[in-house]
PDB file of N, CA and C in Angstrom:
ATOM      1  N   MET A   1    -161.165   8.867   5.472  1.00  0.00           N
ATOM      2  CA  MET A   1    -159.908   9.253   5.459  1.00  0.00           C
ATOM      3  C   MET A   1    -159.116   8.059   6.312  1.00  0.00           C
ATOM      4  N   LEU A   2    -159.391   6.693   6.340  1.00  0.00           N
ATOM      5  CA  LEU A   2    -158.596   5.782   7.082  1.00  0.00           C
ATOM      6  C   LEU A   2    -157.963   5.614   6.068  1.00  0.00           C
ATOM      7  N   GLY A   3    -156.306   5.236   6.643  1.00  0.00           N
ATOM      8  CA  GLY A   3    -155.135   4.479   5.913  1.00  0.00           C
ATOM      9  C   GLY A   3    -154.468   6.173   4.677  1.00  0.00           C
ATOM     10  N   GLN A   4    -155.309   7.066   5.320  1.00  0.00           N
ATOM     11  CA  GLN A   4    -154.523   8.432   4.658  1.00  0.00           C
ATOM     12  C   GLN A   4    -153.789   9.050   5.794  1.00  0.00           C
ATOM     13  N   THR A   5    -152.432   9.805   5.100  1.00  0.00           N
ATOM     14  CA  THR A   5    -151.637  10.538   6.522  1.00  0.00           C
ATOM     15  C   THR A   5    -151.605  11.955   6.026  1.00  0.00           C
ATOM     16  N   PRO A   6    -151.486  12.928   7.082  1.00  0.00           N
ATOM     17  CA  PRO A   6    -151.693  14.454   6.182  1.00  0.00           C
ATOM     18  C   PRO A   6    -150.320  14.299   5.954  1.00  0.00           C
ATOM     19  N   ALA A   7    -150.488  14.973   5.318  1.00  0.00           N
ATOM     20  CA  ALA A   7    -149.097  16.032   4.606  1.00  0.00           C
ATOM     21  C   ALA A   7    -147.858  16.693   5.857  1.00  0.00           C
ATOM     22  N   PRO A   8    -147.189  16.444   5.562  1.00  0.00           N
ATOM     23  CA  PRO A   8    -146.165  17.163   6.443  1.00  0.00           C
ATOM     24  C   PRO A   8    -145.855  18.749   6.573  1.00  0.00           C
ATOM     25  N   ARG A   9    -145.901  19.101   7.250  1.00  0.00           N
ATOM     26  CA  ARG A   9    -145.674  20.921   7.094  1.00  0.00           C
ATOM     27  C   ARG A   9    -144.636  21.302   7.667  1.00  0.00           C
ATOM     28  N   MET A  10    -143.577  22.624   7.709  1.00  0.00           N
ATOM     29  CA  MET A  10    -142.483  23.045   7.398  1.00  0.00           C
ATOM     30  C   MET A  10    -142.691  23.542   8.791  1.00  0.00           C
ATOM     31  N   SER A  11    -141.246  23.610   9.460  1.00  0.00           N
ATOM     32  CA  SER A  11    -141.136  23.650  10.927  1.00  0.00           C
ATOM     33  C   SER A  11    -141.086  25.316  10.673  1.00  0.00           C
ATOM     34  N   ALA A  12    -140.490  25.801  11.609  1.00  0.00           N
ATOM     35  CA  ALA A  12    -139.756  26.992  11.688  1.00  0.00           C
ATOM     36  C   ALA A  12    -138.467  27.136  11.007  1.00  0.00           C
ATOM     37  N   THR A  13    -137.570  26.047  11.228  1.00  0.00           N
ATOM     38  CA  THR A  13    -136.634  25.632  10.563  1.00  0.00           C
ATOM     39  C   THR A  13    -136.035  25.375   9.240  1.00  0.00           C
ATOM     40  N   GLY A  14    -137.280  25.369   8.412  1.00  0.00           N
ATOM     41  CA  GLY A  14    -137.708  24.950   7.159  1.00  0.00           C
ATOM     42  C   GLY A  14    -137.735  23.578   7.032  1.00  0.00           C
ATOM     43  N   ARG A  15    -137.616  22.553   7.912  1.00  0.00           N
ATOM     44  CA  ARG A  15    -137.320  20.529   7.467  1.00  0.00           C
ATOM     45  C   ARG A  15    -138.928  20.591   8.076  1.00  0.00           C
ATOM     46  N   SER A  16    -139.478  19.609   7.089  1.00  0.00           N
ATOM     47  CA  SER A  16    -140.837  19.242   7.040  1.00  0.00           C
ATOM     48  C   SER A  16    -140.877  18.026   8.668  1.00  0.00           C
ATOM     49  N   THR A  17    -142.424  18.252   8.984  1.00  0.00           N
ATOM     50  CA  THR A  17    -142.004  17.613  10.659  1.00  0.00           C
ATOM     51  C   THR A  17    -143.412  17.102  10.327  1.00  0.00           C
ATOM     52  N   PRO A  18    -144.096  16.015  10.901  1.00  0.00           N
ATOM     53  CA  PRO A  18    -145.229  15.043  10.981  1.00  0.00           C
ATOM     54  C   PRO A  18    -146.131  16.414  12.031  1.00  0.00           C
ATOM     55  N   PRO A  19    -147.109  16.570  11.017  1.00  0.00           N
ATOM     56  CA  PRO A  19    -148.552  17.672  12.007  1.00  0.00           C
ATOM     57  C   PRO A  19    -148.491  16.904  13.008  1.00  0.00           C
ATOM     58  N   ASN A  20    -148.654  17.785  14.189  1.00  0.00           N
ATOM     59  CA  ASN A  20    -149.572  17.919  15.031  1.00  0.00           C
ATOM     60  C   ASN A  20    -147.841  17.510  16.305  1.00  0.00           C
ATOM     61  N   ILE A  21    -146.776  17.474  15.858  1.00  0.00           N
ATOM     62  CA  ILE A  21    -145.869  17.245  16.118  1.00  0.00           C
ATOM     63  C   ILE A  21    -144.743  18.103  16.740  1.00  0.00           C
ATOM     64  N   PRO A  22    -144.610  18.962  17.744  1.00  0.00           N
ATOM     65  CA  PRO A  22    -143.360  19.758  17.672  1.00  0.00           C
ATOM     66  C   PRO A  22    -142.179  19.618  17.407  1.00  0.00           C
ATOM     67  N   ASP A  23    -141.093  20.631  16.733  1.00  0.00           N
ATOM     68  CA  ASP A  23    -139.766  20.506  16.536  1.00  0.00           C
ATOM     69  C   ASP A  23    -139.559  19.904  17.702  1.00  0.00           C
ATOM     70  N   ALA A  24    -138.761  18.879  17.524  1.00  0.00           N
ATOM     71  CA  ALA A  24    -138.013  18.002  18.642  1.00  0.00           C
ATOM     72  C   ALA A  24    -136.800  18.458  19.438  1.00  0.00           C
ATOM     73  N   ARG A  25    -136.205  19.675  19.058  1.00  0.00           N
ATOM     74  CA  ARG A  25    -135.324  20.739  19.532  1.00  0.00           C
ATOM     75  C   ARG A  25    -136.088  21.281  20.844  1.00  0.00           C
ATOM     76  N   ALA A  26    -137.091  21.449  20.545  1.00  0.00           N
ATOM     77  CA  ALA A  26    -138.006  22.365  21.445  1.00  0.00           C
ATOM     78  C   ALA A  26    -138.411  21.719  22.599  1.00  0.00           C
ATOM     79  N   MET A  27    -138.442  20.334  22.575  1.00  0.00           N
ATOM     80  CA  MET A  27    -139.055  19.710  23.758  1.00  0.00           C
ATOM     81  C   MET A  27    -137.508  18.895  24.330  1.00  0.00           C
ATOM     82  N   SER A  28    -136.376  19.300  23.878  1.00  0.00           N
ATOM     83  CA  SER A  28    -134.958  18.694  24.426  1.00  0.00           C
ATOM     84  C   SER A  28    -135.008  19.139  25.394  1.00  0.00           C
ATOM     85  N   PRO A  29    -134.533  18.715  27.069  1.00  0.00           N
ATOM     86  CA  PRO A  29    -134.100  19.593  27.540  1.00  0.00           C
ATOM     87  C   PRO A  29    -132.541  19.966  27.360  1.00  0.00           C
ATOM     88  N   ARG A  30    -132.114  20.916  28.251  1.00  0.00           N
ATOM     89  CA  ARG A  30    -130.813  21.395  27.554  1.00  0.00           C
ATOM     90  C   ARG A  30    -130.113  20.386  28.930  1.00  0.00           C
ATOM     91  N   ARG A  31    -128.910  19.655  28.414  1.00  0.00           N
ATOM     92  CA  ARG A  31    -128.207  18.701  29.213  1.00  0.00           C
ATOM     93  C   ARG A  31    -126.380  18.780  29.021  1.00  0.00           C
ATOM     94  N   ASP A  32    -126.141  18.855  30.839  1.00  0.00           N
ATOM     95  CA  ASP A  32    -124.834  19.450  30.297  1.00  0.00           C
ATOM     96  C   ASP A  32    -123.847  17.617  29.976  1.00  0.00           C
ATOM     97  N   SER A  33    -122.491  17.686  30.039  1.00  0.00           N
ATOM     98  CA  SER A  33    -121.934  16.802  29.345  1.00  0.00           C
ATOM     99  C   SER A  33    -121.857  15.298  30.515  1.00  0.00           C
ATOM    100  N   ALA A  34    -122.206  15.665  31.504  1.00  0.00           N
ATOM    101  CA  ALA A  34    -122.201  14.622  32.787  1.00  0.00           C
ATOM    102  C   ALA A  34    -123.388  13.714  32.530  1.00  0.00           C
ATOM    103  N   GLN A  35    -124.575  14.646  32.680  1.00  0.00           N
ATOM    104  CA  GLN A  35    -125.760  13.682  32.066  1.00  0.00           C
ATOM    105  C   GLN A  35    -125.772  12.995  31.287  1.00  0.00           C
ATOM    106  N   ILE A  36    -125.422  13.643  29.785  1.00  0.00           N
ATOM    107  CA  ILE A  36    -125.191  13.662  28.871  1.00  0.00           C
ATOM    108  C   ILE A  36    -124.264  11.748  28.957  1.00  0.00           C
ATOM    109  N   VAL A  37    -123.246  11.719  29.497  1.00  0.00           N
ATOM    110  CA  VAL A  37    -122.345  10.495  29.310  1.00  0.00           C
ATOM    111  C   VAL A  37    -123.265   9.290  30.301  1.00  0.00           C
ATOM    112  N   GLU A  38    -124.114   9.737  31.496  1.00  0.00           N
ATOM    113  CA  GLU A  38    -124.627   9.247  32.211  1.00  0.00           C
ATOM    114  C   GLU A  38    -125.955   8.512  31.317  1.00  0.00           C
ATOM    115  N   ARG A  39    -126.901   9.062  30.860  1.00  0.00           N
ATOM    116  CA  ARG A  39    -127.891   8.750  30.480  1.00  0.00           C
ATOM    117  C   ARG A  39    -127.398   7.697  29.228  1.00  0.00           C
ATOM    118  N   CYS A  40    -125.658   7.789  28.882  1.00  0.00           N
ATOM    119  CA  CYS A  40    -125.501   6.852  27.269  1.00  0.00           C
ATOM    120  C   CYS A  40    -124.977   6.241  28.119  1.00  0.00           C
ATOM    121  N   GLU A  41    -124.255   5.667  29.520  1.00  0.00           N
ATOM    122  CA  GLU A  41    -124.258   4.724  30.398  1.00  0.00           C
ATOM    123  C   GLU A  41    -125.056   4.125  30.728  1.00  0.00           C
ATOM    124  N   THR A  42    -126.102   4.824  31.062  1.00  0.00           N
ATOM    125  CA  THR A  42    -127.886   4.015  31.367  1.00  0.00           C
ATOM    126  C   THR A  42    -128.563   2.850  30.273  1.00  0.00           C
ATOM    127  N   THR A  43    -127.725   3.644  28.722  1.00  0.00           N
ATOM    128  CA  THR A  43    -128.806   3.608  28.242  1.00  0.00           C
ATOM    129  C   THR A  43    -127.843   1.980  27.755  1.00  0.00           C
ATOM    130  N   ARG A  44    -126.837   2.026  27.426  1.00  0.00           N
ATOM    131  CA  ARG A  44    -125.488   0.768  27.121  1.00  0.00           C
ATOM    132  C   ARG A  44    -126.157  -0.211  28.192  1.00  0.00           C
ATOM    133  N   ALA A  45    -125.949  -0.178  29.368  1.00  0.00           N
ATOM    134  CA  ALA A  45    -126.041  -1.149  30.184  1.00  0.00           C
ATOM    135  C   ALA A  45    -127.421  -1.579  29.646  1.00  0.00           C
ATOM    136  N   ASN A  46    -128.380  -0.814  29.623  1.00  0.00           N
ATOM    137  CA  ASN A  46    -130.087  -1.526  29.376  1.00  0.00           C
ATOM    138  C   ASN A  46    -129.910  -2.334  27.905  1.00  0.00           C
ATOM    139  N   THR A  47    -129.033  -1.774  26.960  1.00  0.00           N
ATOM    140  CA  THR A  47    -128.760  -2.521  26.112  1.00  0.00           C
ATOM    141  C   THR A  47    -128.572  -3.984  26.096  1.00  0.00           C
ATOM    142  N   GLU A  48    -126.767  -4.129  26.635  1.00  0.00           N
ATOM    143  CA  GLU A  48    -126.474  -5.027  27.302  1.00  0.00           C
ATOM    144  C   GLU A  48    -127.368  -6.028  27.693  1.00  0.00           C
ATOM    145  N   ALA A  49    -127.873  -5.864  28.480  1.00  0.00           N
ATOM    146  CA  ALA A  49    -128.670  -6.537  29.363  1.00  0.00           C
ATOM    147  C   ALA A  49    -129.714  -7.167  28.473  1.00  0.00           C
ATOM    148  N   HIS A  50    -130.152  -6.178  27.589  1.00  0.00           N
ATOM    149  CA  HIS A  50    -131.371  -6.885  26.758  1.00  0.00           C
ATOM    150  C   HIS A  50    -130.802  -7.748  25.844  1.00  0.00           C
ATOM    151  N   ALA A  51    -129.427  -7.801  25.130  1.00  0.00           N
ATOM    152  CA  ALA A  51    -128.851  -8.275  24.375  1.00  0.00           C
ATOM    153  C   ALA A  51    -128.252  -9.587  25.459  1.00  0.00           C
ATOM    154  N   ALA A  52    -128.112  -9.437  26.133  1.00  0.00           N
ATOM    155  CA  ALA A  52    -127.819 -10.679  26.679  1.00  0.00           C
ATOM    156  C   ALA A  52    -128.887 -11.671  27.057  1.00  0.00           C
ATOM    157  N   GLU A  53    -130.543 -11.085  27.153  1.00  0.00           N
ATOM    158  CA  GLU A  53    -131.634 -11.627  27.403  1.00  0.00           C
ATOM    159  C   GLU A  53    -131.882 -12.103  26.411  1.00  0.00           C
ATOM    160  N   LEU A  54    -131.709 -11.492  25.039  1.00  0.00           N
ATOM    161  CA  LEU A  54    -132.187 -12.372  23.691  1.00  0.00           C
ATOM    162  C   LEU A  54    -131.496 -13.613  23.183  1.00  0.00           C
ATOM    163  N   ARG A  55    -130.331 -12.972  23.483  1.00  0.00           N
ATOM    164  CA  ARG A  55    -129.238 -14.473  23.563  1.00  0.00           C
ATOM    165  C   ARG A  55    -129.442 -15.375  23.744  1.00  0.00           C
ATOM    166  N   SER A  56    -129.724 -15.112  25.049  1.00  0.00           N
ATOM    167  CA  SER A  56    -130.373 -16.420  25.842  1.00  0.00           C
ATOM    168  C   SER A  56    -131.361 -17.129  25.070  1.00  0.00           C
ATOM    169  N   SER A  57    -132.199 -16.252  25.212  1.00  0.00           N
ATOM    170  CA  SER A  57    -134.125 -16.976  24.780  1.00  0.00           C
ATOM    171  C   SER A  57    -133.611 -17.308  23.424  1.00  0.00           C
ATOM    172  N   LEU A  58    -132.234 -16.767  22.144  1.00  0.00           N
ATOM    173  CA  LEU A  58    -132.144 -17.506  21.073  1.00  0.00           C
ATOM    174  C   LEU A  58    -131.099 -18.998  21.302  1.00  0.00           C
ATOM    175  N   GLU A  59    -130.722 -19.154  22.549  1.00  0.00           N
ATOM    176  CA  GLU A  59    -129.637 -19.998  22.665  1.00  0.00           C
ATOM    177  C   GLU A  59    -130.945 -21.222  23.290  1.00  0.00           C
ATOM    178  N   ASP A  60    -131.631 -20.967  23.814  1.00  0.00           N
ATOM    179  CA  ASP A  60    -133.151 -21.626  24.161  1.00  0.00           C
ATOM    180  C   ASP A  60    -133.869 -22.324  23.340  1.00  0.00           C
ATOM    181  N   LEU A  61    -134.532 -21.529  22.205  1.00  0.00           N
ATOM    182  CA  LEU A  61    -134.925 -21.610  21.219  1.00  0.00           C
ATOM    183  C   LEU A  61    -134.491 -22.953  20.104  1.00  0.00           C
ATOM    184  N   SER A  62    -132.981 -22.693  20.031  1.00  0.00           N
ATOM    185  CA  SER A  62    -132.069 -23.462  19.679  1.00  0.00           C
ATOM    186  C   SER A  62    -131.605 -24.919  19.802  1.00  0.00           C
ATOM    187  N   ASN A  63    -131.878 -24.881  21.434  1.00  0.00           N
ATOM    188  CA  ASN A  63    -131.928 -26.279  21.996  1.00  0.00           C
ATOM    189  C   ASN A  63    -133.057 -26.678  22.069  1.00  0.00           C
ATOM    190  N   ARG A  64    -133.659 -26.083  21.761  1.00  0.00           N
ATOM    191  CA  ARG A  64    -135.373 -26.602  21.375  1.00  0.00           C
ATOM    192  C   ARG A  64    -135.517 -27.277  20.099  1.00  0.00           C
ATOM    193  N   ALA A  65    -135.246 -26.549  19.422  1.00  0.00           N
ATOM    194  CA  ALA A  65    -135.204 -26.502  17.690  1.00  0.00           C
ATOM    195  C   ALA A  65    -134.460 -27.964  17.490  1.00  0.00           C
ATOM    196  N   GLU A  66    -133.380 -28.292  18.089  1.00  0.00           N
ATOM    197  CA  GLU A  66    -132.414 -29.467  17.916  1.00  0.00           C
ATOM    198  C   GLU A  66    -133.030 -30.517  18.705  1.00  0.00           C
ATOM    199  N   SER A  67    -133.447 -30.618  19.635  1.00  0.00           N
ATOM    200  CA  SER A  67    -134.609 -31.526  20.887  1.00  0.00           C
ATOM    201  C   SER A  67    -135.382 -32.010  19.602  1.00  0.00           C
ATOM    202  N   ILE A  68    -136.272 -31.150  19.194  1.00  0.00           N
ATOM    203  CA  ILE A  68    -137.540 -31.202  18.420  1.00  0.00           C
ATOM    204  C   ILE A  68    -136.977 -32.224  17.088  1.00  0.00           C
ATOM    205  N   GLN A  69    -135.570 -31.839  16.136  1.00  0.00           N
ATOM    206  CA  GLN A  69    -134.997 -32.070  15.179  1.00  0.00           C
ATOM    207  C   GLN A  69    -134.639 -33.643  15.651  1.00  0.00           C
ATOM    208  N   SER A  70    -134.550 -34.102  16.547  1.00  0.00           N
ATOM    209  CA  SER A  70    -133.683 -35.452  16.484  1.00  0.00           C
ATOM    210  C   SER A  70    -135.184 -36.388  16.983  1.00  0.00           C
ATOM    211  N   GLU A  71    -136.204 -35.625  18.466  1.00  0.00           N
ATOM    212  CA  GLU A  71    -137.440 -36.166  18.108  1.00  0.00           C
ATOM    213  C   GLU A  71    -138.213 -36.913  17.002  1.00  0.00           C
ATOM    214  N   SER A  72    -138.175 -35.697  15.714  1.00  0.00           N
ATOM    215  CA  SER A  72    -138.413 -36.197  14.444  1.00  0.00           C
ATOM    216  C   SER A  72    -137.554 -37.242  14.272  1.00  0.00           C
ATOM    217  N   GLU A  73    -136.756 -37.188  13.964  1.00  0.00           N
ATOM    218  CA  GLU A  73    -135.660 -38.135  13.765  1.00  0.00           C
ATOM    219  C   GLU A  73    -135.909 -39.576  13.874  1.00  0.00           C
ATOM    220  N   LYS A  74    -136.271 -40.036  15.409  1.00  0.00           N
ATOM    221  CA  LYS A  74    -136.422 -40.935  15.996  1.00  0.00           C
ATOM    222  C   LYS A  74    -137.917 -41.851  15.248  1.00  0.00           C
ATOM    223  N   LEU A  75    -138.855 -40.624  15.310  1.00  0.00           N
ATOM    224  CA  LEU A  75    -140.243 -41.085  14.496  1.00  0.00           C
ATOM    225  C   LEU A  75    -140.239 -41.413  13.263  1.00  0.00           C
ATOM    226  N   ALA A  76    -139.279 -40.619  12.369  1.00  0.00           N
ATOM    227  CA  ALA A  76    -139.158 -41.363  11.333  1.00  0.00           C
ATOM    228  C   ALA A  76    -138.869 -42.470  10.849  1.00  0.00           C
ATOM    229  N   SER A  77    -137.297 -42.871  12.177  1.00  0.00           N
ATOM    230  CA  SER A  77    -137.185 -43.946  11.813  1.00  0.00           C
ATOM    231  C   SER A  77    -138.082 -45.135  12.373  1.00  0.00           C
ATOM    232  N   ASN A  78    -138.841 -44.839  13.224  1.00  0.00           N
ATOM    233  CA  ASN A  78    -139.358 -45.738  13.960  1.00  0.00           C
ATOM    234  C   ASN A  78    -140.744 -46.315  12.810  1.00  0.00           C
ATOM    235  N   ASN A  79    -141.187 -45.176  11.938  1.00  0.00           N
ATOM    236  CA  ASN A  79    -141.989 -44.994  11.446  1.00  0.00           C
ATOM    237  C   ASN A  79    -141.842 -45.939   9.793  1.00  0.00           C
ATOM    238  N   ARG A  80    -140.533 -45.979   9.331  1.00  0.00           N
ATOM    239  CA  ARG A  80    -139.778 -46.880   8.608  1.00  0.00           C
ATOM    240  C   ARG A  80    -140.132 -48.305   9.096  1.00  0.00           C
ATOM    241  N   PHE A  81    -139.597 -48.072  10.234  1.00  0.00           N
ATOM    242  CA  PHE A  81    -139.366 -49.728  11.051  1.00  0.00           C
ATOM    243  C   PHE A  81    -140.826 -50.411  10.849  1.00  0.00           C
ATOM    244  N   LEU A  82    -141.628 -49.731  11.456  1.00  0.00           N
ATOM    245  CA  LEU A  82    -143.266 -50.285  11.564  1.00  0.00           C
ATOM    246  C   LEU A  82    -143.633 -50.350  10.173  1.00  0.00           C
ATOM    247  N   SER A  83    -143.558 -49.427   9.031  1.00  0.00           N
ATOM    248  CA  SER A  83    -144.386 -49.909   7.948  1.00  0.00           C
ATOM    249  C   SER A  83    -143.537 -50.843   7.223  1.00  0.00           C
ATOM    250  N   CYS A  84    -142.154 -51.238   7.001  1.00  0.00           N
ATOM    251  CA  CYS A  84    -141.627 -52.558   6.942  1.00  0.00           C
ATOM    252  C   CYS A  84    -142.136 -53.344   7.734  1.00  0.00           C
ATOM    253  N   TYR A  85    -142.404 -53.613   8.810  1.00  0.00           N
ATOM    254  CA  TYR A  85    -143.069 -54.714   9.597  1.00  0.00           C
ATOM    255  C   TYR A  85    -144.248 -54.474   8.903  1.00  0.00           C
ATOM    256  N   ILE A  86    -145.280 -53.816   8.787  1.00  0.00           N
ATOM    257  CA  ILE A  86    -146.565 -54.273   8.495  1.00  0.00           C
ATOM    258  C   ILE A  86    -146.986 -54.832   7.194  1.00  0.00           C
ATOM    259  N   GLY A  87    -145.664 -54.055   6.059  1.00  0.00           N
ATOM    260  CA  GLY A  87    -145.374 -54.987   4.856  1.00  0.00           C
ATOM    261  C   GLY A  87    -145.003 -55.953   4.814  1.00  0.00           C
ATOM    262  N   GLU A  88    -144.739 -56.333   5.868  1.00  0.00           N
ATOM    263  CA  GLU A  88    -143.806 -58.480   5.826  1.00  0.00           C
ATOM    264  C   GLU A  88    -145.206 -58.544   6.202  1.00  0.00           C
ATOM    265  N   LEU A  89    -145.781 -58.138   7.315  1.00  0.00           N
ATOM    266  CA  LEU A  89    -147.351 -59.155   7.640  1.00  0.00           C
ATOM    267  C   LEU A  89    -148.221 -59.007   6.734  1.00  0.00           C
ATOM    268  N   MET A  90    -147.963 -58.148   5.885  1.00  0.00           N
ATOM    269  CA  MET A  90    -148.727 -58.163   4.784  1.00  0.00           C
ATOM    270  C   MET A  90    -148.780 -59.111   3.703  1.00  0.00           C
ATOM    271  N   ASN A  91    -147.813 -59.368   3.574  1.00  0.00           N
ATOM    272  CA  ASN A  91    -147.182 -60.085   2.285  1.00  0.00           C
ATOM    273  C   ASN A  91    -147.522 -62.003   3.114  1.00  0.00           C
ATOM    274  N   LYS A  92    -147.190 -61.885   4.445  1.00  0.00           N
ATOM    275  CA  LYS A  92    -147.218 -63.047   4.641  1.00  0.00           C
ATOM    276  C   LYS A  92    -148.687 -63.407   5.048  1.00  0.00           C
ATOM    277  N   ALA A  93    -149.532 -62.674   5.419  1.00  0.00           N
ATOM    278  CA  ALA A  93    -151.040 -62.764   5.344  1.00  0.00           C
ATOM    279  C   ALA A  93    -151.374 -63.644   4.145  1.00  0.00           C
ATOM    280  N   HIS A  94    -151.303 -62.291   2.625  1.00  0.00           N
ATOM    281  CA  HIS A  94    -151.344 -62.919   1.800  1.00  0.00           C
ATOM    282  C   HIS A  94    -150.914 -64.084   0.962  1.00  0.00           C
ATOM    283  N   VAL A  95    -149.297 -64.594   1.607  1.00  0.00           N
ATOM    284  CA  VAL A  95    -148.857 -65.329   1.185  1.00  0.00           C
ATOM    285  C   VAL A  95    -149.817 -66.621   1.835  1.00  0.00           C
ATOM    286  N   THR A  96    -149.600 -66.953   3.443  1.00  0.00           N
ATOM    287  CA  THR A  96    -150.383 -67.437   3.632  1.00  0.00           C
ATOM    288  C   THR A  96    -152.059 -67.572   3.067  1.00  0.00           C
ATOM    289  N   SER A  97    -152.604 -66.781   2.896  1.00  0.00           N
ATOM    290  CA  SER A  97    -153.899 -66.540   2.397  1.00  0.00           C
ATOM    291  C   SER A  97    -153.888 -67.579   0.949  1.00  0.00           C
ATOM    292  N   SER A  98    -153.309 -67.069   0.192  1.00  0.00           N
ATOM    293  CA  SER A  98    -153.535 -67.815  -0.793  1.00  0.00           C
ATOM    294  C   SER A  98    -152.698 -69.360  -0.844  1.00  0.00           C
ATOM    295  N   THR A  99    -152.295 -69.644  -0.096  1.00  0.00           N
ATOM    296  CA  THR A  99    -151.784 -70.957   0.355  1.00  0.00           C
ATOM    297  C   THR A  99    -152.615 -71.831   0.806  1.00  0.00           C
ATOM    298  N   SER A 100    -153.490 -71.341   1.493  1.00  0.00           N
ATOM    299  CA  SER A 100    -154.697 -71.702   2.481  1.00  0.00           C
ATOM    300  C   SER A 100    -155.803 -72.018   1.199  1.00  0.00           C
ATOM    301  N   SER A 101    -155.724 -70.547   0.346  1.00  0.00           N
ATOM    302  CA  SER A 101    -157.071 -70.934  -0.838  1.00  0.00           C
ATOM    303  C   SER A 101    -156.651 -71.742  -1.642  1.00  0.00           C
ATOM    304  N   GLY A 102    -155.513 -72.000  -1.940  1.00  0.00           N
ATOM    305  CA  GLY A 102    -155.279 -73.672  -2.987  1.00  0.00           C
ATOM    306  C   GLY A 102    -155.247 -74.848  -2.254  1.00  0.00           C
ATOM    307  N   LYS A 103    -154.870 -74.818  -1.241  1.00  0.00           N
ATOM    308  CA  LYS A 103    -155.664 -75.898  -0.383  1.00  0.00           C
ATOM    309  C   LYS A 103    -157.275 -76.639  -0.656  1.00  0.00           C
ATOM    310  N   VAL A 104    -157.899 -75.377  -0.521  1.00  0.00           N
ATOM    311  CA  VAL A 104    -158.921 -75.603  -0.719  1.00  0.00           C
ATOM    312  C   VAL A 104    -159.580 -75.811  -1.812  1.00  0.00           C
ATOM    313  N   SER A 105    -159.399 -75.443  -2.228  1.00  0.00           N
ATOM    314  CA  SER A 105    -159.889 -75.300  -4.213  1.00  0.00           C
ATOM    315  C   SER A 105    -159.254 -77.019  -4.183  1.00  0.00           C
ATOM    316  N   GLY A 106    -157.960 -77.371  -4.092  1.00  0.00           N
ATOM    317  CA  GLY A 106    -157.533 -78.611  -3.901  1.00  0.00           C
ATOM    318  C   GLY A 106    -158.405 -79.674  -3.780  1.00  0.00           C
ATOM    319  N   LYS A 107    -158.692 -79.448  -2.954  1.00  0.00           N
ATOM    320  CA  LYS A 107    -159.656 -80.573  -2.090  1.00  0.00           C
ATOM    321  C   LYS A 107    -160.989 -80.621  -2.658  1.00  0.00           C
ATOM    322  N   ASN A 108    -161.611 -79.978  -3.573  1.00  0.00           N
ATOM    323  CA  ASN A 108    -162.968 -79.902  -3.612  1.00  0.00           C
ATOM    324  C   ASN A 108    -162.602 -80.605  -5.328  1.00  0.00           C
TER     325      ASN A 108
END
């Protein structure tokens, strides 16, 4: 029965509920208006604090991404420079070796 969920059953109100979970209204304590307002304010404060943490985390990640992108661009530029430099050295070495080979073969 792995991966299978039991079929929902009908509650006393006629609505379907997941199995083994009683009707939520029967579990809910009765609250007066002051308690509801206090709970809403607490929830709002917690949500705003969590949102501020998420914003800060997002800003940190964004700054880190910009830093990494900048470093990557520097490395790519350095790689292009080194590639050109090595290519020029290889061409000079090839020219020098073919010139040296020509002189050696000319002396024979």
